[in-house]
Structures are given as structure tokens and as C-alpha cells.
Amino acid sequence: MGQLIKFILVSILASAIHLDILHLLVTNDVFLPLRANVAAFLLAMIINYYGHTFWTFNHKRHSFQRSLTRFVAIQMAGGMLNQWLFYMAITRTNLDYLWASGAVLAIVSLVIFILSKYWAFR
């Protein structure tokens, strides 16, 4: 199975968890959508790291310390991009916060795949 397919599968799992956590935090009045999005992103990041390290990009082919440092940097940049795009989507459009988050996750996942493949896990 190719890296792109593996990346998509891990990303779908992480995105589903992200959306579920976002929904739970908002509907149970724990956080408003913007703050809930940060918490959901951080939890999904753990799924992303383990899935991509041990399955998508084969952890035996790269330095653990180097890839972890680079992956965290990519995820933090991706998190900031995610939050900015999510903010723009929910304040500038009529999209429901879950639809907005789903669209943003698709965009950010593509950026993260490219950076992970060619920088973090090479």
C-alpha cells in the first residue's frame, strides 16, 4: 500500500477523532468552537504522529528524534494554519462549525502530507 493511501487513512482516522472531540466539547458547552478546535487538534495530533511514524512513513527508515522534532514543528504550523482557516470559515461564511472544520482539515492535511514526506520523515 502506498504512502499516500496510508497517509489518507491515518488522516481520516485523526480527522474523525478531531471532529468528534470538537463536536463533544461544543455541544456539551465545555468550549466555544474556536477553543474546542485547538483541543481537538492537539488530541488528533497524537493519532497522526503514531500513525504516520509507525505505518505511513516506516519509523525504521529515519531518526526518531529528528522526525519527532520536525513532525511537531509541522503540526504546530499546521495547527496555526488550521485555526486561522477555521476562524475565517466560521466568521466569514455561513458554514456550520463542523462543516468548516472538515473543509479546513482536508486543506491542512494536504500541506502536512507534503511537509511530512519531504522533510520530517525523509
PDB file of N, CA and C in Angstrom:
ATOM      1  N   MET A   1       0.851  -1.173   0.000  1.00  0.00           N
ATOM      2  CA  MET A   1       0.000   0.000   0.000  1.00  0.00           C
ATOM      3  C   MET A   1       0.898   1.238   0.000  1.00  0.00           C
ATOM      4  N   GLY A   2       0.608   2.211  -0.850  1.00  0.00           N
ATOM      5  CA  GLY A   2       1.445   3.395  -0.988  1.00  0.00           C
ATOM      6  C   GLY A   2       1.329   4.367   0.171  1.00  0.00           C
ATOM      7  N   GLN A   3       2.337   5.217   0.285  1.00  0.00           N
ATOM      8  CA  GLN A   3       2.359   6.203   1.362  1.00  0.00           C
ATOM      9  C   GLN A   3       1.154   7.121   1.333  1.00  0.00           C
ATOM     10  N   LEU A   4       0.749   7.557   0.155  1.00  0.00           N
ATOM     11  CA  LEU A   4      -0.380   8.485   0.082  1.00  0.00           C
ATOM     12  C   LEU A   4      -1.653   7.839   0.618  1.00  0.00           C
ATOM     13  N   ILE A   5      -1.900   6.591   0.258  1.00  0.00           N
ATOM     14  CA  ILE A   5      -3.096   5.888   0.751  1.00  0.00           C
ATOM     15  C   ILE A   5      -3.022   5.730   2.263  1.00  0.00           C
ATOM     16  N   LYS A   6      -1.855   5.326   2.773  1.00  0.00           N
ATOM     17  CA  LYS A   6      -1.680   5.190   4.222  1.00  0.00           C
ATOM     18  C   LYS A   6      -1.891   6.533   4.905  1.00  0.00           C
ATOM     19  N   PHE A   7      -1.325   7.590   4.329  1.00  0.00           N
ATOM     20  CA  PHE A   7      -1.482   8.920   4.901  1.00  0.00           C
ATOM     21  C   PHE A   7      -2.962   9.312   4.952  1.00  0.00           C
ATOM     22  N   ILE A   8      -3.675   9.052   3.878  1.00  0.00           N
ATOM     23  CA  ILE A   8      -5.101   9.388   3.823  1.00  0.00           C
ATOM     24  C   ILE A   8      -5.872   8.624   4.894  1.00  0.00           C
ATOM     25  N   LEU A   9      -5.590   7.332   5.056  1.00  0.00           N
ATOM     26  CA  LEU A   9      -6.301   6.528   6.052  1.00  0.00           C
ATOM     27  C   LEU A   9      -6.030   7.015   7.476  1.00  0.00           C
ATOM     28  N   VAL A  10      -4.763   7.283   7.787  1.00  0.00           N
ATOM     29  CA  VAL A  10      -4.429   7.807   9.119  1.00  0.00           C
ATOM     30  C   VAL A  10      -5.078   9.174   9.313  1.00  0.00           C
ATOM     31  N   SER A  11      -5.032   9.997   8.287  1.00  0.00           N
ATOM     32  CA  SER A  11      -5.616  11.335   8.380  1.00  0.00           C
ATOM     33  C   SER A  11      -7.135  11.294   8.547  1.00  0.00           C
ATOM     34  N   ILE A  12      -7.788  10.338   7.894  1.00  0.00           N
ATOM     35  CA  ILE A  12      -9.241  10.189   8.070  1.00  0.00           C
ATOM     36  C   ILE A  12      -9.553   9.815   9.521  1.00  0.00           C
ATOM     37  N   LEU A  13      -8.790   8.875  10.075  1.00  0.00           N
ATOM     38  CA  LEU A  13      -8.993   8.494  11.473  1.00  0.00           C
ATOM     39  C   LEU A  13      -8.775   9.690  12.398  1.00  0.00           C
ATOM     40  N   ALA A  14      -7.659  10.394  12.214  1.00  0.00           N
ATOM     41  CA  ALA A  14      -7.360  11.547  13.056  1.00  0.00           C
ATOM     42  C   ALA A  14      -8.405  12.654  12.872  1.00  0.00           C
ATOM     43  N   SER A  15      -8.860  12.860  11.649  1.00  0.00           N
ATOM     44  CA  SER A  15      -9.878  13.883  11.386  1.00  0.00           C
ATOM     45  C   SER A  15     -11.213  13.513  12.018  1.00  0.00           C
ATOM     46  N   ALA A  16     -11.563  12.240  11.981  1.00  0.00           N
ATOM     47  CA  ALA A  16     -12.808  11.792  12.616  1.00  0.00           C
ATOM     48  C   ALA A  16     -12.744  12.029  14.121  1.00  0.00           C
ATOM     49  N   ILE A  17     -11.605  11.711  14.709  1.00  0.00           N
ATOM     50  CA  ILE A  17     -11.428  11.955  16.145  1.00  0.00           C
ATOM     51  C   ILE A  17     -11.485  13.454  16.426  1.00  0.00           C
ATOM     52  N   HIS A  18     -10.823  14.235  15.592  1.00  0.00           N
ATOM     53  CA  HIS A  18     -10.843  15.693  15.735  1.00  0.00           C
ATOM     54  C   HIS A  18     -12.282  16.209  15.716  1.00  0.00           C
ATOM     55  N   LEU A  19     -13.040  15.797  14.709  1.00  0.00           N
ATOM     56  CA  LEU A  19     -14.423  16.277  14.576  1.00  0.00           C
ATOM     57  C   LEU A  19     -15.306  15.803  15.731  1.00  0.00           C
ATOM     58  N   ASP A  20     -15.105  14.568  16.187  1.00  0.00           N
ATOM     59  CA  ASP A  20     -15.883  14.061  17.320  1.00  0.00           C
ATOM     60  C   ASP A  20     -15.591  14.848  18.592  1.00  0.00           C
ATOM     61  N   ILE A  21     -14.329  15.087  18.855  1.00  0.00           N
ATOM     62  CA  ILE A  21     -13.947  15.842  20.054  1.00  0.00           C
ATOM     63  C   ILE A  21     -14.468  17.281  19.960  1.00  0.00           C
ATOM     64  N   LEU A  22     -14.307  17.887  18.796  1.00  0.00           N
ATOM     65  CA  LEU A  22     -14.821  19.238  18.575  1.00  0.00           C
ATOM     66  C   LEU A  22     -16.315  19.284  18.863  1.00  0.00           C
ATOM     67  N   HIS A  23     -17.050  18.345  18.295  1.00  0.00           N
ATOM     68  CA  HIS A  23     -18.499  18.295  18.492  1.00  0.00           C
ATOM     69  C   HIS A  23     -18.862  18.097  19.966  1.00  0.00           C
ATOM     70  N   LEU A  24     -18.198  17.158  20.633  1.00  0.00           N
ATOM     71  CA  LEU A  24     -18.482  16.898  22.047  1.00  0.00           C
ATOM     72  C   LEU A  24     -18.198  18.118  22.925  1.00  0.00           C
ATOM     73  N   LEU A  25     -17.084  18.775  22.692  1.00  0.00           N
ATOM     74  CA  LEU A  25     -16.730  19.937  23.502  1.00  0.00           C
ATOM     75  C   LEU A  25     -17.697  21.099  23.291  1.00  0.00           C
ATOM     76  N   VAL A  26     -18.151  21.285  22.062  1.00  0.00           N
ATOM     77  CA  VAL A  26     -19.066  22.392  21.768  1.00  0.00           C
ATOM     78  C   VAL A  26     -20.480  22.071  22.246  1.00  0.00           C
ATOM     79  N   THR A  27     -20.986  20.885  21.933  1.00  0.00           N
ATOM     80  CA  THR A  27     -22.373  20.556  22.293  1.00  0.00           C
ATOM     81  C   THR A  27     -22.569  20.377  23.799  1.00  0.00           C
ATOM     82  N   ASN A  28     -21.507  20.048  24.520  1.00  0.00           N
ATOM     83  CA  ASN A  28     -21.602  19.941  25.979  1.00  0.00           C
ATOM     84  C   ASN A  28     -21.191  21.228  26.683  1.00  0.00           C
ATOM     85  N   ASP A  29     -21.083  22.307  25.914  1.00  0.00           N
ATOM     86  CA  ASP A  29     -20.764  23.639  26.442  1.00  0.00           C
ATOM     87  C   ASP A  29     -19.468  23.683  27.257  1.00  0.00           C
ATOM     88  N   VAL A  30     -18.500  22.862  26.849  1.00  0.00           N
ATOM     89  CA  VAL A  30     -17.191  22.897  27.500  1.00  0.00           C
ATOM     90  C   VAL A  30     -16.397  24.083  26.956  1.00  0.00           C
ATOM     91  N   PHE A  31     -16.388  24.239  25.621  1.00  0.00           N
ATOM     92  CA  PHE A  31     -15.694  25.342  24.957  1.00  0.00           C
ATOM     93  C   PHE A  31     -16.539  25.847  23.800  1.00  0.00           C
ATOM     94  N   LEU A  32     -16.278  27.080  23.411  1.00  0.00           N
ATOM     95  CA  LEU A  32     -16.814  27.592  22.154  1.00  0.00           C
ATOM     96  C   LEU A  32     -16.000  26.973  21.015  1.00  0.00           C
ATOM     97  N   PRO A  33     -16.505  27.011  19.775  1.00  0.00           N
ATOM     98  CA  PRO A  33     -15.827  26.300  18.675  1.00  0.00           C
ATOM     99  C   PRO A  33     -14.344  26.610  18.490  1.00  0.00           C
ATOM    100  N   LEU A  34     -13.929  27.860  18.595  1.00  0.00           N
ATOM    101  CA  LEU A  34     -12.511  28.168  18.356  1.00  0.00           C
ATOM    102  C   LEU A  34     -11.596  27.507  19.378  1.00  0.00           C
ATOM    103  N   ARG A  35     -11.964  27.558  20.634  1.00  0.00           N
ATOM    104  CA  ARG A  35     -11.139  26.939  21.672  1.00  0.00           C
ATOM    105  C   ARG A  35     -11.228  25.409  21.594  1.00  0.00           C
ATOM    106  N   ALA A  36     -12.408  24.899  21.315  1.00  0.00           N
ATOM    107  CA  ALA A  36     -12.585  23.446  21.178  1.00  0.00           C
ATOM    108  C   ALA A  36     -11.757  22.911  20.018  1.00  0.00           C
ATOM    109  N   ASN A  37     -11.621  23.702  18.958  1.00  0.00           N
ATOM    110  CA  ASN A  37     -10.832  23.288  17.801  1.00  0.00           C
ATOM    111  C   ASN A  37      -9.372  23.074  18.171  1.00  0.00           C
ATOM    112  N   VAL A  38      -8.829  23.901  19.028  1.00  0.00           N
ATOM    113  CA  VAL A  38      -7.434  23.745  19.460  1.00  0.00           C
ATOM    114  C   VAL A  38      -7.272  22.439  20.235  1.00  0.00           C
ATOM    115  N   ALA A  39      -8.167  22.182  21.180  1.00  0.00           N
ATOM    116  CA  ALA A  39      -8.089  20.950  21.971  1.00  0.00           C
ATOM    117  C   ALA A  39      -8.225  19.724  21.066  1.00  0.00           C
ATOM    118  N   ALA A  40      -9.161  19.760  20.145  1.00  0.00           N
ATOM    119  CA  ALA A  40      -9.381  18.633  19.232  1.00  0.00           C
ATOM    120  C   ALA A  40      -8.158  18.414  18.347  1.00  0.00           C
ATOM    121  N   PHE A  41      -7.561  19.498  17.859  1.00  0.00           N
ATOM    122  CA  PHE A  41      -6.380  19.387  17.004  1.00  0.00           C
ATOM    123  C   PHE A  41      -5.224  18.737  17.764  1.00  0.00           C
ATOM    124  N   LEU A  42      -5.011  19.143  19.005  1.00  0.00           N
ATOM    125  CA  LEU A  42      -3.901  18.588  19.785  1.00  0.00           C
ATOM    126  C   LEU A  42      -4.076  17.096  20.039  1.00  0.00           C
ATOM    127  N   LEU A  43      -5.285  16.664  20.331  1.00  0.00           N
ATOM    128  CA  LEU A  43      -5.518  15.237  20.543  1.00  0.00           C
ATOM    129  C   LEU A  43      -5.371  14.450  19.241  1.00  0.00           C
ATOM    130  N   ALA A  44      -5.854  14.991  18.152  1.00  0.00           N
ATOM    131  CA  ALA A  44      -5.717  14.318  16.858  1.00  0.00           C
ATOM    132  C   ALA A  44      -4.254  14.259  16.420  1.00  0.00           C
ATOM    133  N   MET A  45      -3.459  15.210  16.861  1.00  0.00           N
ATOM    134  CA  MET A  45      -2.045  15.236  16.514  1.00  0.00           C
ATOM    135  C   MET A  45      -1.337  13.979  17.031  1.00  0.00           C
ATOM    136  N   ILE A  46      -1.746  13.489  18.188  1.00  0.00           N
ATOM    137  CA  ILE A  46      -1.143  12.270  18.748  1.00  0.00           C
ATOM    138  C   ILE A  46      -1.428  11.081  17.832  1.00  0.00           C
ATOM    139  N   ILE A  47      -2.658  10.967  17.368  1.00  0.00           N
ATOM    140  CA  ILE A  47      -3.025   9.891  16.436  1.00  0.00           C
ATOM    141  C   ILE A  47      -2.205  10.024  15.159  1.00  0.00           C
ATOM    142  N   ASN A  48      -2.113  11.245  14.639  1.00  0.00           N
ATOM    143  CA  ASN A  48      -1.331  11.493  13.430  1.00  0.00           C
ATOM    144  C   ASN A  48       0.117  11.060  13.601  1.00  0.00           C
ATOM    145  N   TYR A  49       0.730  11.444  14.709  1.00  0.00           N
ATOM    146  CA  TYR A  49       2.143  11.136  14.899  1.00  0.00           C
ATOM    147  C   TYR A  49       2.379   9.627  14.899  1.00  0.00           C
ATOM    148  N   TYR A  50       1.649   8.917  15.729  1.00  0.00           N
ATOM    149  CA  TYR A  50       1.877   7.468  15.818  1.00  0.00           C
ATOM    150  C   TYR A  50       1.513   6.759  14.516  1.00  0.00           C
ATOM    151  N   GLY A  51       0.412   7.143  13.910  1.00  0.00           N
ATOM    152  CA  GLY A  51       0.022   6.510  12.649  1.00  0.00           C
ATOM    153  C   GLY A  51       1.029   6.741  11.543  1.00  0.00           C
ATOM    154  N   HIS A  52       1.492   7.977  11.430  1.00  0.00           N
ATOM    155  CA  HIS A  52       2.430   8.289  10.354  1.00  0.00           C
ATOM    156  C   HIS A  52       3.835   7.775  10.650  1.00  0.00           C
ATOM    157  N   THR A  53       4.250   7.809  11.902  1.00  0.00           N
ATOM    158  CA  THR A  53       5.583   7.329  12.246  1.00  0.00           C
ATOM    159  C   THR A  53       5.706   5.824  12.059  1.00  0.00           C
ATOM    160  N   PHE A  54       4.736   5.095  12.567  1.00  0.00           N
ATOM    161  CA  PHE A  54       4.872   3.638  12.586  1.00  0.00           C
ATOM    162  C   PHE A  54       4.235   2.937  11.389  1.00  0.00           C
ATOM    163  N   TRP A  55       3.423   3.639  10.604  1.00  0.00           N
ATOM    164  CA  TRP A  55       2.778   2.959   9.480  1.00  0.00           C
ATOM    165  C   TRP A  55       3.050   3.682   8.160  1.00  0.00           C
ATOM    166  N   THR A  56       2.680   4.946   8.066  1.00  0.00           N
ATOM    167  CA  THR A  56       2.801   5.656   6.790  1.00  0.00           C
ATOM    168  C   THR A  56       4.246   5.774   6.333  1.00  0.00           C
ATOM    169  N   PHE A  57       5.120   6.258   7.210  1.00  0.00           N
ATOM    170  CA  PHE A  57       6.492   6.577   6.815  1.00  0.00           C
ATOM    171  C   PHE A  57       7.533   5.619   7.384  1.00  0.00           C
ATOM    172  N   ASN A  58       7.148   4.468   7.895  1.00  0.00           N
ATOM    173  CA  ASN A  58       8.048   3.425   8.357  1.00  0.00           C
ATOM    174  C   ASN A  58       9.159   3.965   9.254  1.00  0.00           C
ATOM    175  N   HIS A  59       8.917   3.957  10.541  1.00  0.00           N
ATOM    176  CA  HIS A  59       9.831   4.536  11.527  1.00  0.00           C
ATOM    177  C   HIS A  59      11.251   3.988  11.488  1.00  0.00           C
ATOM    178  N   LYS A  60      11.476   2.854  10.890  1.00  0.00           N
ATOM    179  CA  LYS A  60      12.817   2.259  10.849  1.00  0.00           C
ATOM    180  C   LYS A  60      13.731   2.957   9.844  1.00  0.00           C
ATOM    181  N   ARG A  61      13.160   3.797   9.004  1.00  0.00           N
ATOM    182  CA  ARG A  61      13.954   4.446   7.959  1.00  0.00           C
ATOM    183  C   ARG A  61      14.445   5.848   8.333  1.00  0.00           C
ATOM    184  N   HIS A  62      14.114   6.336   9.511  1.00  0.00           N
ATOM    185  CA  HIS A  62      14.505   7.694   9.857  1.00  0.00           C
ATOM    186  C   HIS A  62      14.816   7.811  11.349  1.00  0.00           C
ATOM    187  N   SER A  63      15.531   8.850  11.709  1.00  0.00           N
ATOM    188  CA  SER A  63      15.890   9.113  13.093  1.00  0.00           C
ATOM    189  C   SER A  63      14.648   9.530  13.883  1.00  0.00           C
ATOM    190  N   PHE A  64      14.398   8.823  14.988  1.00  0.00           N
ATOM    191  CA  PHE A  64      13.230   9.114  15.809  1.00  0.00           C
ATOM    192  C   PHE A  64      13.252  10.559  16.310  1.00  0.00           C
ATOM    193  N   GLN A  65      14.368  10.987  16.886  1.00  0.00           N
ATOM    194  CA  GLN A  65      14.458  12.340  17.459  1.00  0.00           C
ATOM    195  C   GLN A  65      14.266  13.412  16.388  1.00  0.00           C
ATOM    196  N   ARG A  66      14.935  13.249  15.270  1.00  0.00           N
ATOM    197  CA  ARG A  66      14.826  14.242  14.197  1.00  0.00           C
ATOM    198  C   ARG A  66      13.409  14.287  13.640  1.00  0.00           C
ATOM    199  N   SER A  67      12.826  13.119  13.392  1.00  0.00           N
ATOM    200  CA  SER A  67      11.480  13.104  12.814  1.00  0.00           C
ATOM    201  C   SER A  67      10.449  13.637  13.806  1.00  0.00           C
ATOM    202  N   LEU A  68      10.607  13.339  15.100  1.00  0.00           N
ATOM    203  CA  LEU A  68       9.671  13.856  16.104  1.00  0.00           C
ATOM    204  C   LEU A  68       9.742  15.378  16.162  1.00  0.00           C
ATOM    205  N   THR A  69      10.950  15.916  16.199  1.00  0.00           N
ATOM    206  CA  THR A  69      11.113  17.371  16.245  1.00  0.00           C
ATOM    207  C   THR A  69      10.505  18.032  15.022  1.00  0.00           C
ATOM    208  N   ARG A  70      10.795  17.484  13.862  1.00  0.00           N
ATOM    209  CA  ARG A  70      10.249  18.056  12.628  1.00  0.00           C
ATOM    210  C   ARG A  70       8.739  17.875  12.545  1.00  0.00           C
ATOM    211  N   PHE A  71       8.238  16.701  12.966  1.00  0.00           N
ATOM    212  CA  PHE A  71       6.802  16.462  12.921  1.00  0.00           C
ATOM    213  C   PHE A  71       6.066  17.436  13.832  1.00  0.00           C
ATOM    214  N   VAL A  72       6.582  17.658  15.027  1.00  0.00           N
ATOM    215  CA  VAL A  72       5.952  18.608  15.949  1.00  0.00           C
ATOM    216  C   VAL A  72       5.962  20.012  15.347  1.00  0.00           C
ATOM    217  N   ALA A  73       7.060  20.401  14.713  1.00  0.00           N
ATOM    218  CA  ALA A  73       7.117  21.721  14.062  1.00  0.00           C
ATOM    219  C   ALA A  73       6.063  21.820  12.953  1.00  0.00           C
ATOM    220  N   ILE A  74       5.950  20.780  12.158  1.00  0.00           N
ATOM    221  CA  ILE A  74       4.949  20.766  11.084  1.00  0.00           C
ATOM    222  C   ILE A  74       3.543  20.819  11.671  1.00  0.00           C
ATOM    223  N   GLN A  75       3.298  20.043  12.715  1.00  0.00           N
ATOM    224  CA  GLN A  75       1.974  20.025  13.329  1.00  0.00           C
ATOM    225  C   GLN A  75       1.622  21.377  13.956  1.00  0.00           C
ATOM    226  N   MET A  76       2.588  22.029  14.569  1.00  0.00           N
ATOM    227  CA  MET A  76       2.316  23.342  15.157  1.00  0.00           C
ATOM    228  C   MET A  76       1.994  24.368  14.066  1.00  0.00           C
ATOM    229  N   ALA A  77       2.761  24.332  12.978  1.00  0.00           N
ATOM    230  CA  ALA A  77       2.456  25.223  11.847  1.00  0.00           C
ATOM    231  C   ALA A  77       1.094  24.865  11.255  1.00  0.00           C
ATOM    232  N   GLY A  78       0.842  23.545  11.119  1.00  0.00           N
ATOM    233  CA  GLY A  78      -0.457  23.094  10.624  1.00  0.00           C
ATOM    234  C   GLY A  78      -1.589  23.501  11.556  1.00  0.00           C
ATOM    235  N   GLY A  79      -1.331  23.447  12.849  1.00  0.00           N
ATOM    236  CA  GLY A  79      -2.323  23.866  13.841  1.00  0.00           C
ATOM    237  C   GLY A  79      -2.664  25.339  13.727  1.00  0.00           C
ATOM    238  N   MET A  80      -1.638  26.151  13.517  1.00  0.00           N
ATOM    239  CA  MET A  80      -1.885  27.589  13.344  1.00  0.00           C
ATOM    240  C   MET A  80      -2.655  27.861  12.058  1.00  0.00           C
ATOM    241  N   LEU A  81      -2.270  27.179  10.980  1.00  0.00           N
ATOM    242  CA  LEU A  81      -2.998  27.317   9.720  1.00  0.00           C
ATOM    243  C   LEU A  81      -4.441  26.838   9.888  1.00  0.00           C
ATOM    244  N   ASN A  82      -4.615  25.703  10.548  1.00  0.00           N
ATOM    245  CA  ASN A  82      -5.937  25.155  10.821  1.00  0.00           C
ATOM    246  C   ASN A  82      -6.797  26.165  11.585  1.00  0.00           C
ATOM    247  N   GLN A  83      -6.244  26.725  12.637  1.00  0.00           N
ATOM    248  CA  GLN A  83      -7.012  27.655  13.469  1.00  0.00           C
ATOM    249  C   GLN A  83      -7.367  28.921  12.702  1.00  0.00           C
ATOM    250  N   TRP A  84      -6.430  29.434  11.920  1.00  0.00           N
ATOM    251  CA  TRP A  84      -6.705  30.645  11.151  1.00  0.00           C
ATOM    252  C   TRP A  84      -7.776  30.382  10.095  1.00  0.00           C
ATOM    253  N   LEU A  85      -7.644  29.293   9.339  1.00  0.00           N
ATOM    254  CA  LEU A  85      -8.650  28.970   8.323  1.00  0.00           C
ATOM    255  C   LEU A  85     -10.008  28.675   8.958  1.00  0.00           C
ATOM    256  N   PHE A  86     -10.009  27.991  10.111  1.00  0.00           N
ATOM    257  CA  PHE A  86     -11.258  27.699  10.819  1.00  0.00           C
ATOM    258  C   PHE A  86     -11.923  29.002  11.278  1.00  0.00           C
ATOM    259  N   TYR A  87     -11.127  29.894  11.838  1.00  0.00           N
ATOM    260  CA  TYR A  87     -11.652  31.198  12.254  1.00  0.00           C
ATOM    261  C   TYR A  87     -12.273  31.935  11.070  1.00  0.00           C
ATOM    262  N   MET A  88     -11.539  31.972   9.968  1.00  0.00           N
ATOM    263  CA  MET A  88     -12.046  32.659   8.777  1.00  0.00           C
ATOM    264  C   MET A  88     -13.338  32.017   8.286  1.00  0.00           C
ATOM    265  N   ALA A  89     -13.384  30.694   8.293  1.00  0.00           N
ATOM    266  CA  ALA A  89     -14.568  29.983   7.790  1.00  0.00           C
ATOM    267  C   ALA A  89     -15.805  30.231   8.656  1.00  0.00           C
ATOM    268  N   ILE A  90     -15.627  30.233   9.981  1.00  0.00           N
ATOM    269  CA  ILE A  90     -16.822  30.391  10.818  1.00  0.00           C
ATOM    270  C   ILE A  90     -17.223  31.849  11.034  1.00  0.00           C
ATOM    271  N   THR A  91     -16.304  32.770  10.768  1.00  0.00           N
ATOM    272  CA  THR A  91     -16.674  34.182  10.931  1.00  0.00           C
ATOM    273  C   THR A  91     -17.028  34.861   9.617  1.00  0.00           C
ATOM    274  N   ARG A  92     -16.610  34.301   8.493  1.00  0.00           N
ATOM    275  CA  ARG A  92     -16.818  34.954   7.202  1.00  0.00           C
ATOM    276  C   ARG A  92     -17.802  34.224   6.289  1.00  0.00           C
ATOM    277  N   THR A  93     -18.212  33.029   6.702  1.00  0.00           N
ATOM    278  CA  THR A  93     -19.167  32.267   5.880  1.00  0.00           C
ATOM    279  C   THR A  93     -20.337  31.832   6.762  1.00  0.00           C
ATOM    280  N   ASN A  94     -21.291  31.210   6.149  1.00  0.00           N
ATOM    281  CA  ASN A  94     -22.433  30.677   6.891  1.00  0.00           C
ATOM    282  C   ASN A  94     -22.283  29.190   7.178  1.00  0.00           C
ATOM    283  N   LEU A  95     -21.076  28.655   7.033  1.00  0.00           N
ATOM    284  CA  LEU A  95     -20.841  27.234   7.270  1.00  0.00           C
ATOM    285  C   LEU A  95     -21.014  26.891   8.749  1.00  0.00           C
ATOM    286  N   ASP A  96     -21.624  25.756   9.008  1.00  0.00           N
ATOM    287  CA  ASP A  96     -21.671  25.195  10.351  1.00  0.00           C
ATOM    288  C   ASP A  96     -20.232  24.898  10.775  1.00  0.00           C
ATOM    289  N   TYR A  97     -19.940  24.998  12.069  1.00  0.00           N
ATOM    290  CA  TYR A  97     -18.560  24.818  12.520  1.00  0.00           C
ATOM    291  C   TYR A  97     -18.002  23.438  12.169  1.00  0.00           C
ATOM    292  N   LEU A  98     -18.832  22.393  12.143  1.00  0.00           N
ATOM    293  CA  LEU A  98     -18.327  21.063  11.790  1.00  0.00           C
ATOM    294  C   LEU A  98     -17.984  20.965  10.306  1.00  0.00           C
ATOM    295  N   TRP A  99     -18.817  21.544   9.445  1.00  0.00           N
ATOM    296  CA  TRP A  99     -18.504  21.562   8.013  1.00  0.00           C
ATOM    297  C   TRP A  99     -17.253  22.399   7.756  1.00  0.00           C
ATOM    298  N   ALA A 100     -17.157  23.518   8.443  1.00  0.00           N
ATOM    299  CA  ALA A 100     -15.975  24.375   8.290  1.00  0.00           C
ATOM    300  C   ALA A 100     -14.720  23.620   8.712  1.00  0.00           C
ATOM    301  N   SER A 101     -14.790  22.919   9.838  1.00  0.00           N
ATOM    302  CA  SER A 101     -13.641  22.169  10.320  1.00  0.00           C
ATOM    303  C   SER A 101     -13.260  21.050   9.355  1.00  0.00           C
ATOM    304  N   GLY A 102     -14.241  20.358   8.805  1.00  0.00           N
ATOM    305  CA  GLY A 102     -13.958  19.293   7.844  1.00  0.00           C
ATOM    306  C   GLY A 102     -13.239  19.801   6.612  1.00  0.00           C
ATOM    307  N   ALA A 103     -13.688  20.937   6.090  1.00  0.00           N
ATOM    308  CA  ALA A 103     -13.041  21.527   4.916  1.00  0.00           C
ATOM    309  C   ALA A 103     -11.616  21.965   5.244  1.00  0.00           C
ATOM    310  N   VAL A 104     -11.450  22.578   6.385  1.00  0.00           N
ATOM    311  CA  VAL A 104     -10.120  23.044   6.801  1.00  0.00           C
ATOM    312  C   VAL A 104      -9.183  21.856   7.011  1.00  0.00           C
ATOM    313  N   LEU A 105      -9.677  20.798   7.638  1.00  0.00           N
ATOM    314  CA  LEU A 105      -8.835  19.614   7.868  1.00  0.00           C
ATOM    315  C   LEU A 105      -8.340  19.014   6.559  1.00  0.00           C
ATOM    316  N   ALA A 106      -9.181  19.014   5.533  1.00  0.00           N
ATOM    317  CA  ALA A 106      -8.767  18.482   4.226  1.00  0.00           C
ATOM    318  C   ALA A 106      -7.623  19.305   3.643  1.00  0.00           C
ATOM    319  N   ILE A 107      -7.727  20.614   3.724  1.00  0.00           N
ATOM    320  CA  ILE A 107      -6.694  21.505   3.189  1.00  0.00           C
ATOM    321  C   ILE A 107      -5.390  21.353   3.970  1.00  0.00           C
ATOM    322  N   VAL A 108      -5.488  21.412   5.284  1.00  0.00           N
ATOM    323  CA  VAL A 108      -4.297  21.353   6.134  1.00  0.00           C
ATOM    324  C   VAL A 108      -3.623  19.982   6.022  1.00  0.00           C
ATOM    325  N   SER A 109      -4.413  18.919   5.875  1.00  0.00           N
ATOM    326  CA  SER A 109      -3.827  17.574   5.736  1.00  0.00           C
ATOM    327  C   SER A 109      -2.938  17.465   4.508  1.00  0.00           C
ATOM    328  N   LEU A 110      -3.335  18.077   3.419  1.00  0.00           N
ATOM    329  CA  LEU A 110      -2.517  18.056   2.207  1.00  0.00           C
ATOM    330  C   LEU A 110      -1.175  18.746   2.441  1.00  0.00           C
ATOM    331  N   VAL A 111      -1.202  19.897   3.093  1.00  0.00           N
ATOM    332  CA  VAL A 111       0.036  20.627   3.410  1.00  0.00           C
ATOM    333  C   VAL A 111       0.920  19.779   4.321  1.00  0.00           C
ATOM    334  N   ILE A 112       0.320  19.165   5.332  1.00  0.00           N
ATOM    335  CA  ILE A 112       1.075  18.349   6.278  1.00  0.00           C
ATOM    336  C   ILE A 112       1.669  17.120   5.593  1.00  0.00           C
ATOM    337  N   PHE A 113       0.946  16.511   4.659  1.00  0.00           N
ATOM    338  CA  PHE A 113       1.497  15.353   3.942  1.00  0.00           C
ATOM    339  C   PHE A 113       2.757  15.750   3.181  1.00  0.00           C
ATOM    340  N   ILE A 114       2.688  16.824   2.458  1.00  0.00           N
ATOM    341  CA  ILE A 114       3.832  17.256   1.652  1.00  0.00           C
ATOM    342  C   ILE A 114       5.041  17.544   2.545  1.00  0.00           C
ATOM    343  N   LEU A 115       4.833  18.284   3.624  1.00  0.00           N
ATOM    344  CA  LEU A 115       5.940  18.603   4.527  1.00  0.00           C
ATOM    345  C   LEU A 115       6.464  17.364   5.256  1.00  0.00           C
ATOM    346  N   SER A 116       5.567  16.466   5.635  1.00  0.00           N
ATOM    347  CA  SER A 116       5.996  15.245   6.321  1.00  0.00           C
ATOM    348  C   SER A 116       6.812  14.346   5.403  1.00  0.00           C
ATOM    349  N   LYS A 117       6.326  14.160   4.191  1.00  0.00           N
ATOM    350  CA  LYS A 117       7.014  13.271   3.245  1.00  0.00           C
ATOM    351  C   LYS A 117       8.390  13.802   2.858  1.00  0.00           C
ATOM    352  N   TYR A 118       8.466  15.085   2.585  1.00  0.00           N
ATOM    353  CA  TYR A 118       9.714  15.626   2.026  1.00  0.00           C
ATOM    354  C   TYR A 118      10.635  16.287   3.057  1.00  0.00           C
ATOM    355  N   TRP A 119      10.195  16.372   4.319  1.00  0.00           N
ATOM    356  CA  TRP A 119      11.064  16.991   5.319  1.00  0.00           C
ATOM    357  C   TRP A 119      11.136  16.172   6.606  1.00  0.00           C
ATOM    358  N   ALA A 120      10.011  15.928   7.262  1.00  0.00           N
ATOM    359  CA  ALA A 120      10.046  15.275   8.571  1.00  0.00           C
ATOM    360  C   ALA A 120      10.502  13.824   8.528  1.00  0.00           C
ATOM    361  N   PHE A 121      10.009  13.065   7.550  1.00  0.00           N
ATOM    362  CA  PHE A 121      10.273  11.627   7.529  1.00  0.00           C
ATOM    363  C   PHE A 121      11.143  11.190   6.361  1.00  0.00           C
ATOM    364  N   ARG A 122      12.049  12.032   5.909  1.00  0.00           N
ATOM    365  CA  ARG A 122      12.908  11.598   4.802  1.00  0.00           C
ATOM    366  C   ARG A 122      14.203  11.036   5.288  1.00  0.00           C
TER     367      ARG A 122
END
